[in-house]
Amino acid sequence: MAFIIAEPCIGTKDTACVDACPVDCIHPKKSESDFGSNSMLFINPIECIDCGACVPACPVSAIYAEGDLPEKWEKYVQINAEHYVRK
């Protein structure tokens, strides 16, 4: 079960979670060309190892284990996955 970045990240894009991730599965990074064109960050559901290191690093509490994601943000499961399909 992967972790999901939800709505609170929109417009924030604090990259503390990127730095905390041991497997580099959160994108875009500030150094990546699509950082400016995305309103939020995304977790690659295939690469995520479910360690949870990103959760306490997020200053806006936008990261949830998929099973703990509030119902109002369930669409972000698909949004995160689709980000990596488009790449």
N, C-alpha and C. Protein backbone atom coordinates (compact mmCIF):
# COMPACT_ATOMS: atom_id res chain seq x y z
N MET A 1 0.85 -1.18 0.00
CA MET A 1 0.00 0.00 0.00
C MET A 1 0.89 1.24 0.00
N ALA A 2 0.80 2.01 -1.02
CA ALA A 2 1.64 3.21 -1.16
C ALA A 2 1.10 4.36 -0.32
N PHE A 3 1.93 5.35 -0.17
CA PHE A 3 1.50 6.59 0.46
C PHE A 3 1.04 7.53 -0.64
N ILE A 4 0.14 8.42 -0.27
CA ILE A 4 -0.51 9.33 -1.22
C ILE A 4 -0.32 10.77 -0.75
N ILE A 5 -0.04 11.66 -1.68
CA ILE A 5 -0.01 13.09 -1.38
C ILE A 5 -1.36 13.65 -1.80
N ALA A 6 -2.01 14.37 -0.87
CA ALA A 6 -3.37 14.86 -1.11
C ALA A 6 -3.41 16.39 -1.22
N GLU A 7 -4.61 16.92 -1.23
CA GLU A 7 -4.90 18.32 -1.50
C GLU A 7 -4.09 19.36 -0.72
N PRO A 8 -3.78 19.14 0.56
CA PRO A 8 -3.03 20.18 1.28
C PRO A 8 -1.69 20.55 0.64
N CYS A 9 -1.15 19.68 -0.21
CA CYS A 9 0.12 19.98 -0.88
C CYS A 9 -0.03 21.02 -1.98
N ILE A 10 -1.24 21.15 -2.53
CA ILE A 10 -1.45 22.05 -3.65
C ILE A 10 -1.05 23.47 -3.27
N GLY A 11 -0.15 24.03 -4.05
CA GLY A 11 0.34 25.38 -3.81
C GLY A 11 1.44 25.47 -2.78
N THR A 12 1.66 24.40 -2.03
CA THR A 12 2.71 24.41 -1.00
C THR A 12 4.01 23.86 -1.56
N LYS A 13 3.94 22.63 -2.04
CA LYS A 13 5.09 21.93 -2.64
C LYS A 13 6.36 22.04 -1.79
N ASP A 14 6.23 21.92 -0.49
CA ASP A 14 7.40 21.90 0.38
C ASP A 14 8.12 20.58 0.10
N THR A 15 9.40 20.63 -0.16
CA THR A 15 10.12 19.42 -0.57
C THR A 15 10.81 18.69 0.57
N ALA A 16 10.39 18.94 1.80
CA ALA A 16 10.96 18.20 2.93
C ALA A 16 10.70 16.70 2.77
N CYS A 17 9.57 16.34 2.20
CA CYS A 17 9.25 14.93 1.99
C CYS A 17 10.19 14.30 0.96
N VAL A 18 10.55 15.07 -0.05
CA VAL A 18 11.48 14.60 -1.07
C VAL A 18 12.81 14.25 -0.42
N ASP A 19 13.28 15.12 0.46
CA ASP A 19 14.55 14.89 1.15
C ASP A 19 14.47 13.70 2.11
N ALA A 20 13.30 13.46 2.69
CA ALA A 20 13.14 12.37 3.65
C ALA A 20 13.01 11.00 3.00
N CYS A 21 12.62 10.95 1.74
CA CYS A 21 12.36 9.68 1.06
C CYS A 21 13.66 8.93 0.76
N PRO A 22 13.80 7.70 1.28
CA PRO A 22 15.04 6.95 1.06
C PRO A 22 15.14 6.31 -0.33
N VAL A 23 14.04 6.29 -1.09
CA VAL A 23 14.07 5.64 -2.40
C VAL A 23 13.78 6.60 -3.55
N ASP A 24 13.75 7.88 -3.28
CA ASP A 24 13.61 8.90 -4.34
C ASP A 24 12.35 8.69 -5.17
N CYS A 25 11.20 8.47 -4.51
CA CYS A 25 9.97 8.22 -5.27
C CYS A 25 8.99 9.39 -5.25
N ILE A 26 9.41 10.55 -4.73
CA ILE A 26 8.54 11.73 -4.70
C ILE A 26 9.06 12.76 -5.69
N HIS A 27 8.17 13.17 -6.57
CA HIS A 27 8.55 14.10 -7.64
C HIS A 27 7.43 15.09 -7.89
N PRO A 28 7.65 16.16 -8.58
CA PRO A 28 8.94 16.60 -9.11
C PRO A 28 9.79 17.28 -8.04
N LYS A 29 11.09 17.13 -8.18
CA LYS A 29 12.04 17.83 -7.33
C LYS A 29 12.21 19.25 -7.87
N LYS A 30 12.73 20.13 -7.03
CA LYS A 30 12.95 21.52 -7.46
C LYS A 30 13.86 21.58 -8.69
N SER A 31 14.76 20.62 -8.83
CA SER A 31 15.71 20.61 -9.94
C SER A 31 15.12 20.03 -11.23
N GLU A 32 13.92 19.48 -11.18
CA GLU A 32 13.31 18.87 -12.37
C GLU A 32 12.51 19.91 -13.15
N SER A 33 12.52 19.76 -14.45
CA SER A 33 11.91 20.76 -15.33
C SER A 33 10.41 20.95 -15.11
N ASP A 34 9.72 19.93 -14.63
CA ASP A 34 8.27 20.07 -14.44
C ASP A 34 7.86 20.54 -13.05
N PHE A 35 8.83 20.94 -12.21
CA PHE A 35 8.51 21.42 -10.87
C PHE A 35 7.58 22.63 -10.92
N GLY A 36 7.87 23.59 -11.78
CA GLY A 36 7.07 24.80 -11.87
C GLY A 36 5.70 24.59 -12.47
N SER A 37 5.54 23.58 -13.29
CA SER A 37 4.26 23.37 -13.97
C SER A 37 3.29 22.47 -13.20
N ASN A 38 3.73 21.93 -12.08
CA ASN A 38 2.85 21.11 -11.25
C ASN A 38 2.50 21.87 -9.98
N SER A 39 1.26 21.77 -9.55
CA SER A 39 0.84 22.50 -8.36
C SER A 39 1.08 21.73 -7.08
N MET A 40 1.51 20.47 -7.21
CA MET A 40 1.76 19.64 -6.03
C MET A 40 2.83 18.60 -6.35
N LEU A 41 3.21 17.84 -5.33
CA LEU A 41 4.17 16.75 -5.49
C LEU A 41 3.39 15.44 -5.57
N PHE A 42 4.06 14.40 -6.05
CA PHE A 42 3.41 13.11 -6.27
C PHE A 42 4.34 11.98 -5.81
N ILE A 43 3.74 10.92 -5.26
CA ILE A 43 4.49 9.73 -4.85
C ILE A 43 4.26 8.64 -5.89
N ASN A 44 5.35 8.08 -6.40
CA ASN A 44 5.24 6.99 -7.36
C ASN A 44 4.78 5.73 -6.61
N PRO A 45 3.57 5.23 -6.90
CA PRO A 45 3.04 4.09 -6.15
C PRO A 45 3.80 2.79 -6.38
N ILE A 46 4.53 2.69 -7.45
CA ILE A 46 5.30 1.48 -7.72
C ILE A 46 6.63 1.50 -6.97
N GLU A 47 7.25 2.66 -6.88
CA GLU A 47 8.55 2.78 -6.23
C GLU A 47 8.46 2.96 -4.71
N CYS A 48 7.33 3.42 -4.21
CA CYS A 48 7.16 3.66 -2.77
C CYS A 48 7.31 2.34 -2.01
N ILE A 49 8.15 2.35 -0.96
CA ILE A 49 8.37 1.14 -0.16
C ILE A 49 7.56 1.16 1.14
N ASP A 50 6.66 2.10 1.26
CA ASP A 50 5.76 2.18 2.41
C ASP A 50 6.48 2.37 3.74
N CYS A 51 7.59 3.09 3.73
CA CYS A 51 8.34 3.28 4.97
C CYS A 51 7.74 4.37 5.84
N GLY A 52 7.03 5.32 5.24
CA GLY A 52 6.39 6.39 5.99
C GLY A 52 7.30 7.53 6.39
N ALA A 53 8.54 7.55 5.93
CA ALA A 53 9.48 8.61 6.30
C ALA A 53 8.99 9.99 5.86
N CYS A 54 8.20 10.04 4.82
CA CYS A 54 7.71 11.30 4.28
C CYS A 54 6.62 11.94 5.15
N VAL A 55 5.87 11.13 5.86
CA VAL A 55 4.71 11.63 6.60
C VAL A 55 5.08 12.70 7.63
N PRO A 56 5.99 12.43 8.55
CA PRO A 56 6.32 13.47 9.53
C PRO A 56 7.08 14.65 8.93
N ALA A 57 7.66 14.47 7.76
CA ALA A 57 8.42 15.56 7.12
C ALA A 57 7.50 16.60 6.48
N CYS A 58 6.27 16.23 6.20
CA CYS A 58 5.33 17.13 5.50
C CYS A 58 4.78 18.18 6.47
N PRO A 59 5.05 19.47 6.21
CA PRO A 59 4.59 20.51 7.13
C PRO A 59 3.10 20.82 7.05
N VAL A 60 2.42 20.30 6.02
CA VAL A 60 0.99 20.58 5.88
C VAL A 60 0.12 19.32 6.01
N SER A 61 0.71 18.25 6.51
CA SER A 61 -0.02 16.98 6.72
C SER A 61 -0.80 16.54 5.49
N ALA A 62 -0.10 16.50 4.36
CA ALA A 62 -0.74 16.13 3.09
C ALA A 62 -0.50 14.68 2.70
N ILE A 63 0.31 13.94 3.47
CA ILE A 63 0.69 12.59 3.07
C ILE A 63 0.03 11.56 3.98
N TYR A 64 -0.60 10.57 3.34
CA TYR A 64 -1.33 9.53 4.06
C TYR A 64 -1.01 8.17 3.47
N ALA A 65 -1.06 7.14 4.33
CA ALA A 65 -1.07 5.78 3.81
C ALA A 65 -2.38 5.65 3.05
N GLU A 66 -2.38 4.93 1.96
CA GLU A 66 -3.58 4.85 1.13
C GLU A 66 -4.81 4.44 1.93
N GLY A 67 -4.67 3.53 2.86
CA GLY A 67 -5.80 3.07 3.67
C GLY A 67 -6.29 4.09 4.68
N ASP A 68 -5.49 5.10 4.97
CA ASP A 68 -5.85 6.14 5.94
C ASP A 68 -6.27 7.45 5.29
N LEU A 69 -6.28 7.49 3.97
CA LEU A 69 -6.61 8.70 3.24
C LEU A 69 -8.06 9.10 3.52
N PRO A 70 -8.30 10.35 3.95
CA PRO A 70 -9.69 10.77 4.17
C PRO A 70 -10.52 10.61 2.89
N GLU A 71 -11.76 10.21 3.06
CA GLU A 71 -12.63 9.93 1.92
C GLU A 71 -12.71 11.11 0.95
N LYS A 72 -12.71 12.32 1.48
CA LYS A 72 -12.83 13.50 0.62
C LYS A 72 -11.65 13.66 -0.34
N TRP A 73 -10.54 12.95 -0.07
CA TRP A 73 -9.36 13.06 -0.91
C TRP A 73 -9.04 11.76 -1.65
N GLU A 74 -9.97 10.84 -1.72
CA GLU A 74 -9.72 9.55 -2.39
C GLU A 74 -9.29 9.71 -3.84
N LYS A 75 -9.72 10.78 -4.50
CA LYS A 75 -9.35 10.98 -5.91
C LYS A 75 -7.84 11.14 -6.08
N TYR A 76 -7.12 11.46 -5.00
CA TYR A 76 -5.68 11.67 -5.10
C TYR A 76 -4.91 10.36 -5.28
N VAL A 77 -5.52 9.23 -5.01
CA VAL A 77 -4.88 7.94 -5.31
C VAL A 77 -4.66 7.88 -6.82
N GLN A 78 -5.70 8.17 -7.57
CA GLN A 78 -5.62 8.15 -9.03
C GLN A 78 -4.75 9.29 -9.56
N ILE A 79 -4.86 10.46 -8.96
CA ILE A 79 -4.07 11.61 -9.41
C ILE A 79 -2.58 11.32 -9.28
N ASN A 80 -2.16 10.73 -8.13
CA ASN A 80 -0.75 10.38 -7.95
C ASN A 80 -0.31 9.35 -8.98
N ALA A 81 -1.11 8.31 -9.19
CA ALA A 81 -0.75 7.26 -10.15
C ALA A 81 -0.68 7.81 -11.57
N GLU A 82 -1.63 8.65 -11.95
CA GLU A 82 -1.66 9.19 -13.31
C GLU A 82 -0.48 10.11 -13.60
N HIS A 83 0.05 10.75 -12.60
CA HIS A 83 1.21 11.61 -12.82
C HIS A 83 2.36 10.80 -13.41
N TYR A 84 2.52 9.57 -12.96
CA TYR A 84 3.63 8.73 -13.44
C TYR A 84 3.32 8.05 -14.76
N VAL A 85 2.06 7.91 -15.11
CA VAL A 85 1.68 7.36 -16.41
C VAL A 85 2.00 8.38 -17.50
N ARG A 86 1.79 9.67 -17.19
CA ARG A 86 2.03 10.75 -18.16
C ARG A 86 3.50 10.95 -18.46
N LYS A 87 4.37 10.56 -17.55
CA LYS A 87 5.81 10.82 -17.73
C LYS A 87 6.41 9.98 -18.81
